[in-house]
Amino acid sequence: MEKSFAYILNCILFIIFCSCQETKKQDFENLTAEERVLRTKELEYQRGFHYQASSFRQAYTDSLIALNPENASYYQGKSIGHSKIGDYHISFPLLEKAMKLDPKETLYYTSWLMTDLYKDYDRAIEYLNRYDDYTPGQVDYAWGNNVNFLKGEVLQALGRHEEAIAEFTKAINEEGMEYIDPSAFPYRGISYTALKKYKKAIADFDLGIKVYDKSSLSHYYKGIALLEIGKKNEALVHIEKAKELVSKGFKKSDPYKEVYNEIYLMQIEDKLREIGK
């Protein structure tokens, strides 16, 4: 009963809040430039008390957009909450608006989003290339991720393995062994395997294990490559090792989405049964 009352009360408060916000929006056009700046700071401060996808935060963002209709960051910020809960039909038009207003800054986020969350590969490679072209000759990052690494992921997903290898190689050279995402090596090895370049693939899986000794991905795909060249016993050692590591939780994963080349315990067990183990 108490929970029901609290829920109803929250709904009533939100309706009142939105009504007040709507009234305030109508008054924004009468504000001076200085008053707009002060009101914007006030709204941003109040918005900060609410989590990203909350209705209250979105209402504050609507007011900020009404006050500053040419500010791309507010459209992008409003889209993020919708992206996280799967309302892509709402988030994408907001992102398109943001990109029209400030393409370079918006692409920093949107190119990563298309790559990692939306998995819209055609848009992802278009946006990554466009973003990368703003600063030729420099190492670029989209939402903190090396752009060449992201390009490699997308090109591999599209089956463009030669290009994917080139992008992973650029990322590895840019970041160095110490700082590169350890997945870069097994990812590149997967593309070499797809091209039947097994010697290069195995060398990359070995690098992946050297950089991160609990890389279940490297062990699993090294086993696959070894099977292709007829080394079944050696392959079984690595596939079994991958099974052990995944069983202990050593795998690249994300609670919000499937990651590129993600491997699963059932997948490994199926492979072991397939080869008669």
Protein backbone atom coordinates (compact mmCIF):
# COMPACT_ATOMS: atom_id res chain seq x y z
CA MET A 1 0.00 0.00 0.00
CA GLU A 2 2.83 2.38 0.94
CA LYS A 3 4.65 1.59 -2.29
CA SER A 4 1.52 2.29 -4.33
CA PHE A 5 1.03 5.61 -2.54
CA ALA A 6 4.66 6.59 -3.14
CA TYR A 7 4.37 5.69 -6.83
CA ILE A 8 1.16 7.75 -7.25
CA LEU A 9 2.73 10.67 -5.40
CA ASN A 10 5.80 10.57 -7.63
CA CYS A 11 3.60 10.54 -10.74
CA ILE A 12 1.64 13.57 -9.48
CA LEU A 13 4.86 15.44 -8.64
CA PHE A 14 6.28 14.67 -12.06
CA ILE A 15 3.13 15.94 -13.82
CA ILE A 16 3.29 19.13 -11.75
CA PHE A 17 7.00 19.46 -12.48
CA CYS A 18 6.53 19.05 -16.23
CA SER A 19 3.66 21.53 -16.19
CA CYS A 20 5.86 24.08 -14.43
CA GLN A 21 8.68 23.42 -16.88
CA GLU A 22 6.34 23.97 -19.82
CA THR A 23 5.16 27.27 -18.35
CA LYS A 24 8.77 28.33 -17.85
CA LYS A 25 9.65 27.46 -21.46
CA GLN A 26 7.07 29.92 -22.68
CA ASP A 27 8.80 32.65 -20.64
CA PHE A 28 12.32 31.89 -21.92
CA GLU A 29 11.93 34.07 -25.00
CA ASN A 30 11.55 37.13 -22.77
CA LEU A 31 14.85 36.55 -20.95
CA THR A 32 17.89 38.74 -21.56
CA ALA A 33 21.18 37.12 -22.65
CA GLU A 34 22.53 37.40 -19.10
CA GLU A 35 19.37 35.88 -17.64
CA ARG A 36 19.60 32.98 -20.09
CA VAL A 37 23.14 32.23 -18.93
CA LEU A 38 22.10 32.29 -15.27
CA ARG A 39 18.99 30.17 -15.93
CA THR A 40 21.07 27.66 -17.90
CA LYS A 41 23.53 27.28 -15.02
CA GLU A 42 20.66 26.83 -12.59
CA LEU A 43 19.00 24.13 -14.72
CA GLU A 44 22.30 22.29 -15.26
CA TYR A 45 22.90 22.31 -11.50
CA GLN A 46 19.42 20.97 -10.76
CA ARG A 47 19.69 18.36 -13.51
CA GLY A 48 22.86 17.00 -11.94
CA PHE A 49 20.90 15.58 -9.00
CA HIS A 50 19.03 13.09 -11.22
CA TYR A 51 20.34 9.94 -12.88
CA GLN A 52 20.74 9.87 -16.63
CA ALA A 53 17.56 8.17 -17.81
CA SER A 54 15.22 9.65 -15.19
CA SER A 55 12.14 11.56 -16.29
CA PHE A 56 13.15 14.52 -14.13
CA ARG A 57 16.58 14.77 -15.78
CA GLN A 58 14.99 14.55 -19.22
CA ALA A 59 12.55 17.31 -18.31
CA TYR A 60 15.41 19.56 -17.20
CA THR A 61 17.19 18.77 -20.48
CA ASP A 62 14.07 19.74 -22.42
CA SER A 63 14.17 23.13 -20.70
CA LEU A 64 17.86 23.50 -21.48
CA ILE A 65 17.13 22.76 -25.14
CA ALA A 66 14.34 25.35 -25.13
CA LEU A 67 16.78 27.87 -23.67
CA ASN A 68 19.68 26.88 -25.93
CA PRO A 69 18.27 25.32 -29.13
CA GLU A 70 21.65 25.50 -30.89
CA ASN A 71 23.57 23.58 -28.21
CA ALA A 72 24.34 20.12 -29.61
CA SER A 73 25.42 18.66 -26.26
CA TYR A 74 21.89 18.88 -24.84
CA TYR A 75 20.40 16.87 -27.72
CA GLN A 76 23.18 14.31 -27.37
CA GLY A 77 22.76 14.18 -23.60
CA LYS A 78 19.03 13.58 -23.95
CA SER A 79 19.69 10.79 -26.45
CA ILE A 80 22.03 8.87 -24.13
CA GLY A 81 19.34 7.93 -21.65
CA HIS A 82 17.11 6.67 -24.46
CA SER A 83 19.96 4.67 -26.03
CA LYS A 84 20.65 2.93 -22.73
CA ILE A 85 17.07 1.68 -22.42
CA GLY A 86 16.71 0.75 -26.09
CA ASP A 87 14.54 3.66 -27.25
CA TYR A 88 16.59 4.02 -30.42
CA HIS A 89 13.66 5.51 -32.36
CA ILE A 90 13.84 8.46 -29.95
CA SER A 91 17.60 8.69 -29.44
CA PHE A 92 18.67 8.62 -33.07
CA PRO A 93 16.71 11.70 -34.26
CA LEU A 94 18.22 13.57 -31.29
CA LEU A 95 21.70 12.49 -32.37
CA GLU A 96 21.02 13.55 -35.96
CA LYS A 97 20.02 17.00 -34.69
CA ALA A 98 23.19 17.20 -32.59
CA MET A 99 25.35 16.18 -35.56
CA LYS A 100 23.88 18.94 -37.71
CA LEU A 101 24.72 21.50 -35.04
CA ASP A 102 28.21 20.25 -34.11
CA PRO A 103 29.29 17.24 -36.18
CA LYS A 104 32.85 16.92 -34.87
CA GLU A 105 31.97 16.89 -31.18
CA THR A 106 28.90 14.71 -31.67
CA LEU A 107 30.77 12.16 -33.79
CA TYR A 108 33.17 11.61 -30.89
CA TYR A 109 30.26 9.83 -29.19
CA THR A 110 28.04 8.76 -32.09
CA SER A 111 30.73 6.90 -34.06
CA TRP A 112 31.46 4.79 -30.98
CA LEU A 113 27.73 4.30 -30.31
CA MET A 114 27.09 2.96 -33.83
CA THR A 115 30.06 0.62 -33.43
CA ASP A 116 29.60 -0.78 -29.95
CA LEU A 117 25.92 -0.44 -29.04
CA TYR A 118 23.83 -0.07 -32.19
CA LYS A 119 26.06 -2.41 -34.23
CA ASP A 120 25.00 -0.42 -37.30
CA TYR A 121 28.14 -1.31 -39.23
CA ASP A 122 27.58 0.77 -42.36
CA ARG A 123 26.87 3.93 -40.37
CA ALA A 124 29.65 3.08 -37.93
CA ILE A 125 32.38 2.93 -40.58
CA GLU A 126 31.02 6.07 -42.26
CA TYR A 127 31.02 7.99 -38.97
CA LEU A 128 34.41 6.66 -37.85
CA ASN A 129 36.00 7.69 -41.15
CA ARG A 130 34.35 11.10 -41.05
CA TYR A 131 35.49 11.68 -37.47
CA ASP A 132 39.01 10.45 -38.22
CA ASP A 133 39.26 12.79 -41.23
CA TYR A 134 38.93 15.87 -39.02
CA THR A 135 42.49 15.36 -37.73
CA PRO A 136 44.56 13.56 -40.39
CA GLY A 137 47.85 12.16 -39.15
CA GLN A 138 46.75 12.14 -35.51
CA VAL A 139 45.69 9.31 -33.23
CA ASP A 140 41.95 9.76 -32.63
CA TYR A 141 39.65 8.43 -29.93
CA ALA A 142 35.88 7.96 -30.03
CA TRP A 143 34.36 7.89 -26.54
CA GLY A 144 37.83 6.98 -25.23
CA ASN A 145 38.41 4.16 -27.74
CA ASN A 146 41.12 4.13 -30.39
CA VAL A 147 39.37 4.90 -33.69
CA ASN A 148 41.49 2.47 -35.70
CA PHE A 149 40.67 -0.32 -33.25
CA LEU A 150 36.96 0.46 -33.64
CA LYS A 151 37.32 0.49 -37.43
CA GLY A 152 38.96 -2.91 -37.21
CA GLU A 153 36.01 -4.31 -35.26
CA VAL A 154 33.49 -2.99 -37.77
CA LEU A 155 35.40 -4.03 -40.88
CA GLN A 156 35.84 -7.51 -39.46
CA ALA A 157 32.11 -7.74 -38.76
CA LEU A 158 31.52 -6.74 -42.39
CA GLY A 159 33.86 -9.52 -43.58
CA ARG A 160 36.44 -7.03 -44.89
CA HIS A 161 39.33 -8.83 -43.23
CA GLU A 162 42.29 -7.32 -45.09
CA GLU A 163 41.10 -3.84 -44.14
CA ALA A 164 40.38 -4.96 -40.58
CA ILE A 165 43.94 -6.29 -40.22
CA ALA A 166 45.32 -2.96 -41.45
CA GLU A 167 43.27 -1.03 -38.88
CA PHE A 168 44.15 -3.34 -35.97
CA THR A 169 47.82 -3.03 -36.97
CA LYS A 170 47.58 0.78 -36.95
CA ALA A 171 45.96 0.71 -33.51
CA ILE A 172 48.66 -1.63 -32.13
CA ASN A 173 51.43 0.56 -33.56
CA GLU A 174 49.79 3.73 -32.20
CA GLU A 175 49.19 2.44 -28.68
CA GLY A 176 52.13 0.07 -28.25
CA MET A 177 52.08 -3.34 -26.56
CA GLU A 178 51.72 -1.79 -23.12
CA TYR A 179 48.58 0.26 -23.73
CA ILE A 180 46.64 -1.36 -26.57
CA ASP A 181 43.40 -3.17 -25.79
CA PRO A 182 44.63 -6.78 -25.40
CA SER A 183 41.79 -7.91 -27.68
CA ALA A 184 43.53 -6.29 -30.65
CA PHE A 185 45.82 -9.31 -31.07
CA PRO A 186 43.22 -12.10 -31.05
CA TYR A 187 40.88 -9.91 -33.13
CA ARG A 188 43.56 -9.48 -35.79
CA GLY A 189 44.30 -13.20 -35.52
CA ILE A 190 40.63 -13.99 -36.20
CA SER A 191 40.82 -12.04 -39.45
CA TYR A 192 44.05 -13.82 -40.41
CA THR A 193 42.27 -17.13 -39.72
CA ALA A 194 39.37 -16.09 -41.97
CA LEU A 195 41.96 -15.46 -44.73
CA LYS A 196 43.55 -18.87 -44.01
CA LYS A 197 46.81 -17.21 -42.96
CA TYR A 198 47.17 -19.54 -40.02
CA LYS A 199 50.83 -18.90 -39.20
CA LYS A 200 50.17 -15.18 -38.75
CA ALA A 201 46.96 -15.92 -36.88
CA ILE A 202 48.70 -18.20 -34.37
CA ALA A 203 51.46 -15.61 -33.88
CA ASP A 204 48.78 -13.05 -32.96
CA PHE A 205 47.04 -15.44 -30.56
CA ASP A 206 50.41 -16.05 -28.90
CA LEU A 207 50.86 -12.27 -28.57
CA GLY A 208 47.38 -12.06 -27.05
CA ILE A 209 48.36 -14.65 -24.44
CA LYS A 210 51.67 -12.89 -23.79
CA VAL A 211 49.95 -9.54 -23.18
CA TYR A 212 47.16 -11.12 -21.09
CA ASP A 213 47.81 -14.66 -19.88
CA LYS A 214 44.13 -15.22 -19.06
CA SER A 215 42.92 -14.42 -22.56
CA SER A 216 40.29 -17.11 -23.14
CA LEU A 217 39.66 -15.53 -26.55
CA SER A 218 43.27 -16.06 -27.66
CA HIS A 219 43.35 -19.65 -26.39
CA TYR A 220 40.05 -20.56 -28.03
CA TYR A 221 40.86 -19.13 -31.44
CA LYS A 222 44.40 -20.46 -31.36
CA GLY A 223 42.81 -23.87 -30.91
CA ILE A 224 40.56 -23.23 -33.92
CA ALA A 225 43.55 -22.21 -36.07
CA LEU A 226 45.53 -25.27 -34.95
CA LEU A 227 42.61 -27.52 -35.91
CA GLU A 228 42.68 -26.01 -39.40
CA ILE A 229 46.30 -27.07 -39.88
CA GLY A 230 45.72 -30.56 -38.47
CA LYS A 231 47.26 -30.15 -35.01
CA LYS A 232 44.34 -31.62 -33.08
CA ASN A 233 46.11 -32.54 -29.85
CA GLU A 234 47.70 -29.12 -29.48
CA ALA A 235 44.38 -27.51 -30.40
CA LEU A 236 42.58 -29.42 -27.64
CA VAL A 237 45.02 -28.07 -25.03
CA HIS A 238 44.12 -24.48 -25.92
CA ILE A 239 40.38 -25.04 -26.28
CA GLU A 240 40.34 -26.80 -22.89
CA LYS A 241 42.29 -23.87 -21.45
CA ALA A 242 39.71 -21.48 -22.89
CA LYS A 243 36.96 -23.53 -21.23
CA GLU A 244 38.74 -23.36 -17.88
CA LEU A 245 39.21 -19.59 -18.13
CA VAL A 246 35.65 -18.84 -19.24
CA SER A 247 34.32 -21.07 -16.43
CA LYS A 248 36.21 -18.82 -14.01
CA GLY A 249 34.81 -15.65 -15.60
CA PHE A 250 37.84 -14.67 -17.65
CA LYS A 251 36.21 -13.44 -20.85
CA LYS A 252 35.53 -10.11 -22.48
CA SER A 253 31.89 -9.23 -21.84
CA ASP A 254 29.59 -6.31 -21.11
CA PRO A 255 26.35 -6.35 -19.07
CA TYR A 256 24.62 -4.04 -21.58
CA LYS A 257 25.54 -5.64 -24.89
CA GLU A 258 27.28 -8.46 -26.72
CA VAL A 259 30.90 -7.61 -27.40
CA TYR A 260 32.70 -8.38 -30.64
CA ASN A 261 33.82 -12.01 -30.96
CA GLU A 262 32.41 -12.82 -27.52
CA ILE A 263 32.81 -16.50 -26.66
CA TYR A 264 30.53 -18.55 -24.44
CA LEU A 265 31.02 -21.69 -22.37
CA MET A 266 28.34 -23.54 -24.37
CA GLN A 267 30.12 -22.59 -27.61
CA ILE A 268 33.40 -24.06 -26.32
CA GLU A 269 31.71 -27.25 -25.09
CA ASP A 270 29.99 -27.66 -28.46
CA LYS A 271 33.36 -27.35 -30.21
CA LEU A 272 34.91 -29.97 -27.92
CA ARG A 273 32.06 -32.38 -28.64
CA GLU A 274 32.41 -31.69 -32.36
CA ILE A 275 36.05 -32.75 -32.35
CA GLY A 276 35.33 -35.79 -30.22
CA LYS A 277 36.59 -34.72 -26.82
